[in-house]
Amino acid sequence: MEQAQQTEKKWTYIVDGESYDASKLPSQSQQAFKLMVEANKDLQQLNKQQAIHTAALTQLRTIIESDLTEEALIPNGSDTNDSDE
């Protein structure tokens, strides 16, 4: 499994237990490495956003479901616009 580490402003690429100085790779690989680091940061941010959105959806469902009443209940077989997520 590959891993990126920054030590003293040097980036290290680790794969299969071996460490490589990313600054000593060919320019194409250095660019790919920088993109990989950015993609990893973006993925971590997206994972945080997903957790926040999941928690928000759970809370919103709780609010809605606490207000469900018999009056709002639609009998089975009625033609409706479904919003069951």
Protein backbone atom coordinates (compact mmCIF):
# COMPACT_ATOMS: atom_id res chain seq x y z
CA MET A 1 0.00 0.00 0.00
CA GLU A 2 1.35 3.41 -0.91
CA GLN A 3 1.60 6.28 1.52
CA ALA A 4 2.74 9.89 1.32
CA GLN A 5 4.57 11.59 4.17
CA GLN A 6 6.05 15.04 4.59
CA THR A 7 9.16 15.27 6.73
CA GLU A 8 11.06 18.56 7.01
CA LYS A 9 9.45 19.84 3.80
CA LYS A 10 10.52 16.67 1.97
CA TRP A 11 7.85 14.43 0.58
CA THR A 12 8.31 10.69 0.90
CA TYR A 13 6.45 8.08 -1.11
CA ILE A 14 6.19 4.75 0.73
CA VAL A 15 5.21 1.55 -1.02
CA ASP A 16 5.75 -2.06 0.06
CA GLY A 17 7.79 -0.92 3.07
CA GLU A 18 10.26 1.05 0.93
CA SER A 19 10.60 4.86 1.17
CA TYR A 20 11.32 7.07 -1.84
CA ASP A 21 12.26 10.76 -1.97
CA ALA A 22 9.56 12.23 -4.22
CA SER A 23 11.80 15.15 -5.20
CA LYS A 24 14.20 12.71 -6.85
CA LEU A 25 11.56 11.18 -9.12
CA PRO A 26 11.21 12.24 -12.78
CA SER A 27 9.16 15.43 -13.27
CA GLN A 28 6.13 13.50 -14.56
CA SER A 29 6.10 11.39 -11.39
CA GLN A 30 6.65 14.46 -9.19
CA GLN A 31 3.60 16.08 -10.79
CA ALA A 32 1.59 12.87 -10.36
CA PHE A 33 2.71 12.74 -6.71
CA LYS A 34 1.54 16.34 -6.10
CA LEU A 35 -1.81 15.53 -7.70
CA MET A 36 -2.11 12.41 -5.57
CA VAL A 37 -1.47 14.44 -2.40
CA GLU A 38 -4.13 17.00 -3.44
CA ALA A 39 -6.59 14.25 -4.36
CA ASN A 40 -6.05 12.65 -0.95
CA LYS A 41 -6.71 15.99 0.80
CA ASP A 42 -9.87 16.44 -1.29
CA LEU A 43 -11.02 12.92 -0.43
CA GLN A 44 -10.52 13.55 3.29
CA GLN A 45 -12.57 16.76 3.00
CA LEU A 46 -15.31 14.94 1.10
CA ASN A 47 -15.41 12.23 3.76
CA LYS A 48 -15.88 14.93 6.42
CA GLN A 49 -18.64 16.54 4.37
CA GLN A 50 -20.34 13.18 3.90
CA ALA A 51 -20.32 12.61 7.67
CA ILE A 52 -21.80 16.06 8.25
CA HIS A 53 -24.50 15.56 5.62
CA THR A 54 -25.36 12.11 6.94
CA ALA A 55 -25.78 13.51 10.45
CA ALA A 56 -27.89 16.39 9.11
CA LEU A 57 -30.16 14.01 7.17
CA THR A 58 -30.63 11.86 10.24
CA GLN A 59 -31.65 14.89 12.30
CA LEU A 60 -33.98 16.18 9.58
CA ARG A 61 -35.68 12.79 9.33
CA THR A 62 -36.11 12.78 13.10
CA ILE A 63 -37.79 16.19 12.98
CA ILE A 64 -40.13 15.18 10.16
CA GLU A 65 -40.99 11.78 11.62
CA SER A 66 -41.81 13.28 15.02
CA ASP A 67 -44.53 15.34 13.32
CA LEU A 68 -46.17 12.54 11.29
CA THR A 69 -49.86 12.32 12.08
CA GLU A 70 -52.86 10.23 11.08
CA GLU A 71 -54.22 13.32 9.32
CA ALA A 72 -51.22 13.39 6.98
CA LEU A 73 -51.28 9.63 6.34
CA ILE A 74 -52.16 8.69 2.76
CA PRO A 75 -54.13 5.44 2.43
CA ASN A 76 -52.37 2.55 0.66
CA GLY A 77 -53.03 2.41 -3.06
CA SER A 78 -53.49 6.16 -3.45
CA ASP A 79 -51.66 7.87 -6.29
CA THR A 80 -48.90 10.04 -4.76
CA ASN A 81 -45.49 11.52 -5.41
CA ASP A 82 -43.16 9.31 -3.39
CA SER A 83 -40.32 10.89 -1.42
CA ASP A 84 -39.11 7.82 0.48
CA GLU A 85 -35.31 8.18 0.52
